[in-house]
């Protein structure tokens, strides 16, 4: 695989919606409960500051994607937030690391000073280890902050990194 992370185009929306919805359907990482349609996905991705896709440049296959957007407004508008999704069949191939690394560069390029994750589920150990390896700091723990798909509650761990 020759993976390159690049800005999304309209041609990527179908793959992006599919990958995003896999994470929503898993119910263990994203807060969203409703899946995107091609129409709602088109609008949702267009609203973001930046969206990147991880593409195999040899085959054109999209393996993952991310969204980058403000975490807040006004006096806190310099803090951004992001979400990452990797195709179910491609997890463990270090696609997430490429996505997060590109996101850090894009966040800085778009004038943000801090990247903050509000709700990293405590049991998402692969994501947490990746973030910590890339220099993110955990801010604390919010007990029972995430409702899992089975109805149980899991702690969330906010993280941040200066850009």
C-alpha atoms as a PDB file:
ATOM      1  CA  UNK A   1       0.000   0.000   0.000  1.00  0.00           C
ATOM      2  CA  UNK A   2       1.133   3.496  -0.830  1.00  0.00           C
ATOM      3  CA  UNK A   3      -1.030   5.633   1.483  1.00  0.00           C
ATOM      4  CA  UNK A   4      -1.256   9.384   0.982  1.00  0.00           C
ATOM      5  CA  UNK A   5      -3.444  11.683   3.064  1.00  0.00           C
ATOM      6  CA  UNK A   6      -4.969  14.463   1.004  1.00  0.00           C
ATOM      7  CA  UNK A   7      -7.915  16.842   0.977  1.00  0.00           C
ATOM      8  CA  UNK A   8     -11.183  15.154   0.122  1.00  0.00           C
ATOM      9  CA  UNK A   9     -13.067  15.734  -3.110  1.00  0.00           C
ATOM     10  CA  UNK A  10     -16.696  15.115  -3.977  1.00  0.00           C
ATOM     11  CA  UNK A  11     -15.602  11.800  -5.509  1.00  0.00           C
ATOM     12  CA  UNK A  12     -14.599  10.605  -2.010  1.00  0.00           C
ATOM     13  CA  UNK A  13     -17.929  11.252  -0.297  1.00  0.00           C
ATOM     14  CA  UNK A  14     -19.395   7.776  -0.844  1.00  0.00           C
ATOM     15  CA  UNK A  15     -16.343   6.102   0.749  1.00  0.00           C
ATOM     16  CA  UNK A  16     -16.214   8.706   3.524  1.00  0.00           C
ATOM     17  CA  UNK A  17     -19.885   8.168   4.412  1.00  0.00           C
ATOM     18  CA  UNK A  18     -19.366   4.388   4.460  1.00  0.00           C
ATOM     19  CA  UNK A  19     -16.307   4.595   6.728  1.00  0.00           C
ATOM     20  CA  UNK A  20     -17.889   7.216   9.024  1.00  0.00           C
ATOM     21  CA  UNK A  21     -21.054   5.129   9.369  1.00  0.00           C
ATOM     22  CA  UNK A  22     -19.048   2.032  10.336  1.00  0.00           C
ATOM     23  CA  UNK A  23     -17.762   3.893  13.399  1.00  0.00           C
ATOM     24  CA  UNK A  24     -21.231   5.244  14.218  1.00  0.00           C
ATOM     25  CA  UNK A  25     -22.726   1.751  13.889  1.00  0.00           C
ATOM     26  CA  UNK A  26     -20.017   0.228  16.126  1.00  0.00           C
ATOM     27  CA  UNK A  27     -21.283   2.572  18.868  1.00  0.00           C
ATOM     28  CA  UNK A  28     -18.050   2.618  20.884  1.00  0.00           C
ATOM     29  CA  UNK A  29     -16.192   5.747  19.735  1.00  0.00           C
ATOM     30  CA  UNK A  30     -18.290   8.467  18.052  1.00  0.00           C
ATOM     31  CA  UNK A  31     -21.056  10.273  19.964  1.00  0.00           C
ATOM     32  CA  UNK A  32     -23.309  10.336  16.883  1.00  0.00           C
ATOM     33  CA  UNK A  33     -26.164   7.840  16.769  1.00  0.00           C
ATOM     34  CA  UNK A  34     -27.533   8.619  13.307  1.00  0.00           C
ATOM     35  CA  UNK A  35     -25.745   7.451  10.172  1.00  0.00           C
ATOM     36  CA  UNK A  36     -25.002   9.830   7.345  1.00  0.00           C
ATOM     37  CA  UNK A  37     -26.716   9.595   3.986  1.00  0.00           C
ATOM     38  CA  UNK A  38     -24.931  10.680   0.813  1.00  0.00           C
ATOM     39  CA  UNK A  39     -26.847  13.987   1.053  1.00  0.00           C
ATOM     40  CA  UNK A  40     -26.280  14.633   4.765  1.00  0.00           C
ATOM     41  CA  UNK A  41     -22.654  13.491   4.413  1.00  0.00           C
ATOM     42  CA  UNK A  42     -22.049  15.944   1.595  1.00  0.00           C
ATOM     43  CA  UNK A  43     -23.391  18.796   3.737  1.00  0.00           C
ATOM     44  CA  UNK A  44     -21.611  17.622   6.904  1.00  0.00           C
ATOM     45  CA  UNK A  45     -18.188  17.320   5.287  1.00  0.00           C
ATOM     46  CA  UNK A  46     -18.596  20.687   3.531  1.00  0.00           C
ATOM     47  CA  UNK A  47     -19.223  22.371   6.927  1.00  0.00           C
ATOM     48  CA  UNK A  48     -15.825  21.325   8.296  1.00  0.00           C
ATOM     49  CA  UNK A  49     -12.692  23.455   8.240  1.00  0.00           C
ATOM     50  CA  UNK A  50     -10.900  20.596   6.487  1.00  0.00           C
ATOM     51  CA  UNK A  51     -11.490  16.946   5.669  1.00  0.00           C
ATOM     52  CA  UNK A  52      -8.697  14.569   4.763  1.00  0.00           C
ATOM     53  CA  UNK A  53      -8.777  11.082   3.285  1.00  0.00           C
ATOM     54  CA  UNK A  54      -6.156   8.331   3.390  1.00  0.00           C
ATOM     55  CA  UNK A  55      -5.951   6.983  -0.147  1.00  0.00           C
ATOM     56  CA  UNK A  56      -3.902   4.160  -1.608  1.00  0.00           C
ATOM     57  CA  UNK A  57      -2.430   6.009  -4.567  1.00  0.00           C
ATOM     58  CA  UNK A  58      -1.872   2.724  -6.427  1.00  0.00           C
ATOM     59  CA  UNK A  59      -5.513   1.610  -6.285  1.00  0.00           C
ATOM     60  CA  UNK A  60      -7.492   4.762  -5.412  1.00  0.00           C
ATOM     61  CA  UNK A  61      -9.068   2.984  -2.436  1.00  0.00           C
ATOM     62  CA  UNK A  62      -9.955   5.201   0.550  1.00  0.00           C
ATOM     63  CA  UNK A  63      -8.878   3.571   3.819  1.00  0.00           C
ATOM     64  CA  UNK A  64      -9.744   6.315   6.283  1.00  0.00           C
ATOM     65  CA  UNK A  65     -10.785   9.908   6.770  1.00  0.00           C
ATOM     66  CA  UNK A  66     -10.909  12.753   9.258  1.00  0.00           C
ATOM     67  CA  UNK A  67     -12.753  15.968   9.903  1.00  0.00           C
ATOM     68  CA  UNK A  68     -11.216  19.113  11.424  1.00  0.00           C
ATOM     69  CA  UNK A  69     -13.309  21.967  12.780  1.00  0.00           C
ATOM     70  CA  UNK A  70     -13.408  24.564  15.574  1.00  0.00           C
ATOM     71  CA  UNK A  71     -13.921  23.157  19.048  1.00  0.00           C
ATOM     72  CA  UNK A  72     -15.576  26.392  20.165  1.00  0.00           C
ATOM     73  CA  UNK A  73     -16.169  29.975  19.030  1.00  0.00           C
ATOM     74  CA  UNK A  74     -14.933  33.488  19.738  1.00  0.00           C
ATOM     75  CA  UNK A  75     -12.197  33.682  22.368  1.00  0.00           C
ATOM     76  CA  UNK A  76     -11.788  29.903  22.212  1.00  0.00           C
ATOM     77  CA  UNK A  77     -11.970  29.715  18.417  1.00  0.00           C
ATOM     78  CA  UNK A  78      -8.236  29.002  18.157  1.00  0.00           C
ATOM     79  CA  UNK A  79      -8.845  25.499  19.556  1.00  0.00           C
ATOM     80  CA  UNK A  80      -9.816  22.871  17.008  1.00  0.00           C
ATOM     81  CA  UNK A  81     -11.318  19.420  17.284  1.00  0.00           C
ATOM     82  CA  UNK A  82     -11.119  16.407  14.989  1.00  0.00           C
ATOM     83  CA  UNK A  83     -12.612  12.975  14.462  1.00  0.00           C
ATOM     84  CA  UNK A  84     -10.927  10.067  12.703  1.00  0.00           C
ATOM     85  CA  UNK A  85     -12.406   6.987  11.057  1.00  0.00           C
ATOM     86  CA  UNK A  86     -10.623   4.032   9.496  1.00  0.00           C
ATOM     87  CA  UNK A  87     -12.327   1.368   7.415  1.00  0.00           C
ATOM     88  CA  UNK A  88     -13.202  -1.613   9.609  1.00  0.00           C
ATOM     89  CA  UNK A  89     -11.137  -4.025   7.506  1.00  0.00           C
ATOM     90  CA  UNK A  90      -8.090  -1.743   7.577  1.00  0.00           C
ATOM     91  CA  UNK A  91      -7.706  -1.075  11.293  1.00  0.00           C
ATOM     92  CA  UNK A  92      -4.279  -1.926  12.638  1.00  0.00           C
ATOM     93  CA  UNK A  93      -2.461  -0.819   9.467  1.00  0.00           C
ATOM     94  CA  UNK A  94      -1.311   2.528  10.989  1.00  0.00           C
ATOM     95  CA  UNK A  95      -3.743   4.519   8.846  1.00  0.00           C
ATOM     96  CA  UNK A  96      -4.858   6.406  11.965  1.00  0.00           C
ATOM     97  CA  UNK A  97      -1.344   7.651  12.617  1.00  0.00           C
ATOM     98  CA  UNK A  98      -1.130   9.078   9.103  1.00  0.00           C
ATOM     99  CA  UNK A  99      -4.511  10.766   9.549  1.00  0.00           C
ATOM    100  CA  UNK A 100      -3.659  12.312  12.931  1.00  0.00           C
ATOM    101  CA  UNK A 101      -0.243  13.503  11.713  1.00  0.00           C
ATOM    102  CA  UNK A 102      -1.797  15.180   8.677  1.00  0.00           C
ATOM    103  CA  UNK A 103      -4.508  16.694  10.877  1.00  0.00           C
ATOM    104  CA  UNK A 104      -1.897  18.262  13.146  1.00  0.00           C
ATOM    105  CA  UNK A 105      -0.282  19.938  10.132  1.00  0.00           C
ATOM    106  CA  UNK A 106      -3.646  21.056   8.728  1.00  0.00           C
ATOM    107  CA  UNK A 107      -4.761  22.424  12.080  1.00  0.00           C
ATOM    108  CA  UNK A 108      -1.672  24.593  12.274  1.00  0.00           C
ATOM    109  CA  UNK A 109      -1.987  25.622   8.608  1.00  0.00           C
ATOM    110  CA  UNK A 110      -5.568  26.748   9.264  1.00  0.00           C
ATOM    111  CA  UNK A 111      -4.499  28.995  12.142  1.00  0.00           C
ATOM    112  CA  UNK A 112      -5.445  26.855  15.111  1.00  0.00           C
ATOM    113  CA  UNK A 113      -3.161  26.786  18.145  1.00  0.00           C
ATOM    114  CA  UNK A 114      -4.475  23.713  20.004  1.00  0.00           C
ATOM    115  CA  UNK A 115      -6.069  20.430  18.935  1.00  0.00           C
ATOM    116  CA  UNK A 116      -8.416  19.091  21.599  1.00  0.00           C
ATOM    117  CA  UNK A 117     -10.354  15.832  21.749  1.00  0.00           C
ATOM    118  CA  UNK A 118     -13.365  16.149  24.033  1.00  0.00           C
ATOM    119  CA  UNK A 119     -14.507  12.569  24.325  1.00  0.00           C
ATOM    120  CA  UNK A 120     -11.941   9.809  23.792  1.00  0.00           C
ATOM    121  CA  UNK A 121     -13.568   6.672  25.186  1.00  0.00           C
ATOM    122  CA  UNK A 122     -11.355   5.187  27.914  1.00  0.00           C
ATOM    123  CA  UNK A 123     -11.479   1.676  26.414  1.00  0.00           C
ATOM    124  CA  UNK A 124     -10.264   2.971  23.029  1.00  0.00           C
ATOM    125  CA  UNK A 125      -6.716   2.044  24.000  1.00  0.00           C
ATOM    126  CA  UNK A 126      -5.313   2.040  20.457  1.00  0.00           C
ATOM    127  CA  UNK A 127      -6.384   5.643  19.897  1.00  0.00           C
ATOM    128  CA  UNK A 128      -5.203   6.697  23.349  1.00  0.00           C
ATOM    129  CA  UNK A 129      -1.762   5.149  22.845  1.00  0.00           C
ATOM    130  CA  UNK A 130      -1.472   6.797  19.429  1.00  0.00           C
ATOM    131  CA  UNK A 131      -2.410  10.213  20.797  1.00  0.00           C
ATOM    132  CA  UNK A 132       0.033   9.918  23.683  1.00  0.00           C
ATOM    133  CA  UNK A 133       2.817   8.757  21.329  1.00  0.00           C
ATOM    134  CA  UNK A 134       2.147  11.864  19.190  1.00  0.00           C
ATOM    135  CA  UNK A 135       2.475  14.197  22.190  1.00  0.00           C
ATOM    136  CA  UNK A 136      -1.121  14.651  23.323  1.00  0.00           C
ATOM    137  CA  UNK A 137      -1.743  15.128  27.038  1.00  0.00           C
ATOM    138  CA  UNK A 138      -4.745  13.730  28.866  1.00  0.00           C
ATOM    139  CA  UNK A 139      -6.682  16.434  30.711  1.00  0.00           C
ATOM    140  CA  UNK A 140      -8.476  14.130  33.130  1.00  0.00           C
ATOM    141  CA  UNK A 141     -11.360  11.683  33.127  1.00  0.00           C
ATOM    142  CA  UNK A 142     -15.091  12.258  32.922  1.00  0.00           C
ATOM    143  CA  UNK A 143     -16.769   9.329  34.676  1.00  0.00           C
ATOM    144  CA  UNK A 144     -19.522   7.717  32.634  1.00  0.00           C
ATOM    145  CA  UNK A 145     -19.303  10.388  29.932  1.00  0.00           C
ATOM    146  CA  UNK A 146     -20.032   8.076  26.993  1.00  0.00           C
ATOM    147  CA  UNK A 147     -23.063   5.853  26.503  1.00  0.00           C
ATOM    148  CA  UNK A 148     -21.951   2.683  24.722  1.00  0.00           C
ATOM    149  CA  UNK A 149     -24.145   0.956  22.147  1.00  0.00           C
ATOM    150  CA  UNK A 150     -25.121  -1.668  24.738  1.00  0.00           C
ATOM    151  CA  UNK A 151     -26.444   1.062  27.065  1.00  0.00           C
ATOM    152  CA  UNK A 152     -23.575   0.884  29.553  1.00  0.00           C
ATOM    153  CA  UNK A 153     -21.542   3.982  30.411  1.00  0.00           C
ATOM    154  CA  UNK A 154     -17.812   4.346  29.871  1.00  0.00           C
ATOM    155  CA  UNK A 155     -15.411   7.034  31.048  1.00  0.00           C
ATOM    156  CA  UNK A 156     -14.108   9.570  28.541  1.00  0.00           C
ATOM    157  CA  UNK A 157     -10.669  11.124  28.536  1.00  0.00           C
ATOM    158  CA  UNK A 158     -10.210  14.581  26.997  1.00  0.00           C
ATOM    159  CA  UNK A 159      -6.831  15.136  25.309  1.00  0.00           C
ATOM    160  CA  UNK A 160      -5.047  18.162  23.858  1.00  0.00           C
ATOM    161  CA  UNK A 161      -1.871  19.094  22.034  1.00  0.00           C
ATOM    162  CA  UNK A 162      -0.470  22.488  21.157  1.00  0.00           C
ATOM    163  CA  UNK A 163       0.123  22.967  17.446  1.00  0.00           C
END
